[in-house]
Amino acid sequence: MQASSWTRCATCGFELHHPIRQLPATSLGLYDDDRYPGRCILVYKDHREDFETLDPAEAREFLEDMQRAARAIRAATGADRMNFAVLGNAVPHLHAHLIPRIRKGDPIPSKSPWSHPDPAGSLAPVDRAKLIAAIQRELD
């Protein structure tokens, strides 16, 4: 199980801090957020700023990777549902947030994850390593 070889864009500097796996069109990394364990970032392999600039084949690959990653994250975390966000206004590199939502214990189960009342904190290193390993197993 090899982590992604792509961790930083030479054009814009966007970086994955906790790489999980390189997929055909993207790299997947864990986003360290203790409110949503298993939250990940899926980063397009080349520097692109907007989804709509991809040609149809590239867009299909991006979405296929997103679906594959989401299934692995859901299986690894036991999430009830997944939230997807492709924003692009803060970071100039095409990426998607994949956020597992577990209804039990979620203070805002029917709201956006950005509405969470608590500030994000880091996962314990052992928990981060377990999540990465679990998602990698599900991707195999």
C-alpha atoms as a PDB file:
ATOM      1  CA  MET A   1       0.000   0.000   0.000  1.00  0.00           C
ATOM      2  CA  GLN A   2       1.789   3.027  -1.254  1.00  0.00           C
ATOM      3  CA  ALA A   3       0.912   6.598  -0.453  1.00  0.00           C
ATOM      4  CA  SER A   4       0.566   9.093  -3.243  1.00  0.00           C
ATOM      5  CA  SER A   5       3.736  10.206  -4.964  1.00  0.00           C
ATOM      6  CA  TRP A   6       2.020  13.538  -5.718  1.00  0.00           C
ATOM      7  CA  THR A   7       1.876  15.698  -2.622  1.00  0.00           C
ATOM      8  CA  ARG A   8       2.565  19.256  -3.840  1.00  0.00           C
ATOM      9  CA  CYS A   9       1.704  21.210  -6.987  1.00  0.00           C
ATOM     10  CA  ALA A  10       4.761  22.926  -8.467  1.00  0.00           C
ATOM     11  CA  THR A  11       2.535  25.621 -10.020  1.00  0.00           C
ATOM     12  CA  CYS A  12       0.454  26.792  -7.043  1.00  0.00           C
ATOM     13  CA  GLY A  13       1.962  25.037  -4.037  1.00  0.00           C
ATOM     14  CA  PHE A  14      -1.236  23.220  -3.019  1.00  0.00           C
ATOM     15  CA  GLU A  15      -0.156  20.338  -0.800  1.00  0.00           C
ATOM     16  CA  LEU A  16      -1.549  17.113   0.640  1.00  0.00           C
ATOM     17  CA  HIS A  17      -0.300  16.772   4.194  1.00  0.00           C
ATOM     18  CA  HIS A  18      -1.487  13.197   4.837  1.00  0.00           C
ATOM     19  CA  PRO A  19      -1.383  11.335   1.488  1.00  0.00           C
ATOM     20  CA  ILE A  20      -3.395   8.139   1.196  1.00  0.00           C
ATOM     21  CA  ARG A  21      -3.238   6.970  -2.416  1.00  0.00           C
ATOM     22  CA  GLN A  22      -2.682   8.117  -5.956  1.00  0.00           C
ATOM     23  CA  LEU A  23      -5.653   7.286  -8.168  1.00  0.00           C
ATOM     24  CA  PRO A  24      -5.806   7.470 -11.986  1.00  0.00           C
ATOM     25  CA  ALA A  25      -6.632  11.203 -12.204  1.00  0.00           C
ATOM     26  CA  THR A  26      -6.154  12.381  -8.635  1.00  0.00           C
ATOM     27  CA  SER A  27      -4.392  12.005  -5.324  1.00  0.00           C
ATOM     28  CA  LEU A  28      -6.321  11.370  -2.121  1.00  0.00           C
ATOM     29  CA  GLY A  29      -5.227  12.686   1.244  1.00  0.00           C
ATOM     30  CA  LEU A  30      -6.658  12.783   4.730  1.00  0.00           C
ATOM     31  CA  TYR A  31      -7.825  16.195   5.932  1.00  0.00           C
ATOM     32  CA  ASP A  32      -7.001  16.365   9.624  1.00  0.00           C
ATOM     33  CA  ASP A  33     -10.377  17.277  11.183  1.00  0.00           C
ATOM     34  CA  ASP A  34     -11.468  15.602  14.414  1.00  0.00           C
ATOM     35  CA  ARG A  35     -15.083  16.714  13.875  1.00  0.00           C
ATOM     36  CA  TYR A  36     -15.323  14.540  10.746  1.00  0.00           C
ATOM     37  CA  PRO A  37     -12.849  11.651  11.046  1.00  0.00           C
ATOM     38  CA  GLY A  38     -12.126  10.384   7.549  1.00  0.00           C
ATOM     39  CA  ARG A  39     -12.619  13.737   5.851  1.00  0.00           C
ATOM     40  CA  CYS A  40     -10.420  13.758   2.771  1.00  0.00           C
ATOM     41  CA  ILE A  41      -9.215  15.971  -0.028  1.00  0.00           C
ATOM     42  CA  LEU A  42      -9.140  14.640  -3.583  1.00  0.00           C
ATOM     43  CA  VAL A  43      -6.692  16.657  -5.709  1.00  0.00           C
ATOM     44  CA  TYR A  44      -6.559  16.682  -9.510  1.00  0.00           C
ATOM     45  CA  LYS A  45      -3.211  15.395 -10.825  1.00  0.00           C
ATOM     46  CA  ASP A  46      -2.381  18.433 -12.955  1.00  0.00           C
ATOM     47  CA  HIS A  47      -2.667  22.093 -12.103  1.00  0.00           C
ATOM     48  CA  ARG A  48      -6.163  23.137 -13.077  1.00  0.00           C
ATOM     49  CA  GLU A  49      -8.088  25.841 -11.326  1.00  0.00           C
ATOM     50  CA  ASP A  50     -11.657  24.957 -12.295  1.00  0.00           C
ATOM     51  CA  PHE A  51     -13.646  21.785 -12.924  1.00  0.00           C
ATOM     52  CA  GLU A  52     -15.231  23.189 -16.066  1.00  0.00           C
ATOM     53  CA  THR A  53     -11.803  23.494 -17.745  1.00  0.00           C
ATOM     54  CA  LEU A  54     -11.459  19.698 -17.874  1.00  0.00           C
ATOM     55  CA  ASP A  55     -12.332  18.016 -21.139  1.00  0.00           C
ATOM     56  CA  PRO A  56     -15.102  15.389 -20.908  1.00  0.00           C
ATOM     57  CA  ALA A  57     -12.707  12.446 -20.468  1.00  0.00           C
ATOM     58  CA  GLU A  58     -10.750  14.257 -17.727  1.00  0.00           C
ATOM     59  CA  ALA A  59     -13.976  15.235 -15.958  1.00  0.00           C
ATOM     60  CA  ARG A  60     -15.198  11.633 -16.089  1.00  0.00           C
ATOM     61  CA  GLU A  61     -11.893  10.406 -14.590  1.00  0.00           C
ATOM     62  CA  PHE A  62     -12.106  13.004 -11.817  1.00  0.00           C
ATOM     63  CA  LEU A  63     -15.664  11.976 -10.957  1.00  0.00           C
ATOM     64  CA  GLU A  64     -14.830   8.257 -11.122  1.00  0.00           C
ATOM     65  CA  ASP A  65     -11.961   8.814  -8.663  1.00  0.00           C
ATOM     66  CA  MET A  66     -14.294  10.840  -6.448  1.00  0.00           C
ATOM     67  CA  GLN A  67     -16.839   8.028  -6.407  1.00  0.00           C
ATOM     68  CA  ARG A  68     -14.194   5.371  -5.707  1.00  0.00           C
ATOM     69  CA  ALA A  69     -12.688   7.441  -2.887  1.00  0.00           C
ATOM     70  CA  ALA A  70     -16.101   8.171  -1.370  1.00  0.00           C
ATOM     71  CA  ARG A  71     -17.018   4.494  -1.310  1.00  0.00           C
ATOM     72  CA  ALA A  72     -13.718   3.673   0.418  1.00  0.00           C
ATOM     73  CA  ILE A  73     -14.129   6.476   2.970  1.00  0.00           C
ATOM     74  CA  ARG A  74     -17.716   5.471   3.725  1.00  0.00           C
ATOM     75  CA  ALA A  75     -16.725   1.834   4.218  1.00  0.00           C
ATOM     76  CA  ALA A  76     -13.724   2.764   6.393  1.00  0.00           C
ATOM     77  CA  THR A  77     -15.678   5.150   8.621  1.00  0.00           C
ATOM     78  CA  GLY A  78     -19.163   3.648   8.680  1.00  0.00           C
ATOM     79  CA  ALA A  79     -20.570   6.991   7.533  1.00  0.00           C
ATOM     80  CA  ASP A  80     -24.302   7.301   6.972  1.00  0.00           C
ATOM     81  CA  ARG A  81     -23.723   9.619   4.020  1.00  0.00           C
ATOM     82  CA  MET A  82     -21.009  11.574   2.235  1.00  0.00           C
ATOM     83  CA  ASN A  83     -20.856  15.297   1.582  1.00  0.00           C
ATOM     84  CA  PHE A  84     -18.990  16.536  -1.493  1.00  0.00           C
ATOM     85  CA  ALA A  85     -17.711  20.041  -2.086  1.00  0.00           C
ATOM     86  CA  VAL A  86     -15.784  21.491  -5.022  1.00  0.00           C
ATOM     87  CA  LEU A  87     -15.343  25.157  -4.253  1.00  0.00           C
ATOM     88  CA  GLY A  88     -12.134  26.653  -5.617  1.00  0.00           C
ATOM     89  CA  ASN A  89     -12.457  30.206  -4.349  1.00  0.00           C
ATOM     90  CA  ALA A  90      -9.780  29.877  -1.630  1.00  0.00           C
ATOM     91  CA  VAL A  91      -7.247  27.504  -3.218  1.00  0.00           C
ATOM     92  CA  PRO A  92      -6.409  27.794  -6.945  1.00  0.00           C
ATOM     93  CA  HIS A  93      -6.085  24.050  -7.608  1.00  0.00           C
ATOM     94  CA  LEU A  94      -8.956  21.726  -8.523  1.00  0.00           C
ATOM     95  CA  HIS A  95      -9.813  19.591  -5.513  1.00  0.00           C
ATOM     96  CA  ALA A  96     -12.852  18.126  -3.791  1.00  0.00           C
ATOM     97  CA  HIS A  97     -13.666  17.785  -0.115  1.00  0.00           C
ATOM     98  CA  LEU A  98     -15.147  14.371   0.759  1.00  0.00           C
ATOM     99  CA  ILE A  99     -16.727  14.571   4.182  1.00  0.00           C
ATOM    100  CA  PRO A 100     -18.178  11.498   5.889  1.00  0.00           C
ATOM    101  CA  ARG A 101     -21.240  12.245   7.984  1.00  0.00           C
ATOM    102  CA  ILE A 102     -22.262  10.023  10.873  1.00  0.00           C
ATOM    103  CA  ARG A 103     -25.672  10.991  12.202  1.00  0.00           C
ATOM    104  CA  LYS A 104     -25.024   9.735  15.740  1.00  0.00           C
ATOM    105  CA  GLY A 105     -23.150  12.417  17.648  1.00  0.00           C
ATOM    106  CA  ASP A 106     -23.291  14.985  14.836  1.00  0.00           C
ATOM    107  CA  PRO A 107     -24.579  18.265  16.331  1.00  0.00           C
ATOM    108  CA  ILE A 108     -25.703  19.467  12.875  1.00  0.00           C
ATOM    109  CA  PRO A 109     -26.702  16.353  10.886  1.00  0.00           C
ATOM    110  CA  SER A 110     -28.900  18.246   8.421  1.00  0.00           C
ATOM    111  CA  LYS A 111     -26.587  21.237   7.910  1.00  0.00           C
ATOM    112  CA  SER A 112     -23.411  21.956   6.012  1.00  0.00           C
ATOM    113  CA  PRO A 113     -20.214  20.740   7.678  1.00  0.00           C
ATOM    114  CA  TRP A 114     -19.015  24.352   7.557  1.00  0.00           C
ATOM    115  CA  SER A 115     -21.767  25.177  10.072  1.00  0.00           C
ATOM    116  CA  HIS A 116     -20.232  22.944  12.768  1.00  0.00           C
ATOM    117  CA  PRO A 117     -20.204  24.848  16.080  1.00  0.00           C
ATOM    118  CA  ASP A 118     -16.817  23.496  17.197  1.00  0.00           C
ATOM    119  CA  PRO A 119     -13.460  24.513  15.736  1.00  0.00           C
ATOM    120  CA  ALA A 120     -11.562  21.832  13.861  1.00  0.00           C
ATOM    121  CA  GLY A 121      -8.953  20.010  15.856  1.00  0.00           C
ATOM    122  CA  SER A 122      -6.333  17.469  14.904  1.00  0.00           C
ATOM    123  CA  LEU A 123      -6.836  13.746  15.162  1.00  0.00           C
ATOM    124  CA  ALA A 124      -4.503  11.816  17.424  1.00  0.00           C
ATOM    125  CA  PRO A 125      -1.592  10.478  15.330  1.00  0.00           C
ATOM    126  CA  VAL A 126      -2.638   6.864  16.026  1.00  0.00           C
ATOM    127  CA  ASP A 127      -6.221   7.605  14.900  1.00  0.00           C
ATOM    128  CA  ARG A 128      -4.953   9.361  11.777  1.00  0.00           C
ATOM    129  CA  ALA A 129      -2.762   6.354  10.917  1.00  0.00           C
ATOM    130  CA  LYS A 130      -5.666   3.933  11.475  1.00  0.00           C
ATOM    131  CA  LEU A 131      -7.969   5.944   9.203  1.00  0.00           C
ATOM    132  CA  ILE A 132      -5.361   6.155   6.454  1.00  0.00           C
ATOM    133  CA  ALA A 133      -4.747   2.402   6.648  1.00  0.00           C
ATOM    134  CA  ALA A 134      -8.483   1.634   6.646  1.00  0.00           C
ATOM    135  CA  ILE A 135      -9.133   3.815   3.588  1.00  0.00           C
ATOM    136  CA  GLN A 136      -6.136   2.284   1.796  1.00  0.00           C
ATOM    137  CA  ARG A 137      -7.508  -1.209   2.485  1.00  0.00           C
ATOM    138  CA  GLU A 138     -10.872  -0.221   1.064  1.00  0.00           C
ATOM    139  CA  LEU A 139      -9.212   1.173  -2.074  1.00  0.00           C
ATOM    140  CA  ASP A 140      -7.379  -2.119  -2.716  1.00  0.00           C
END
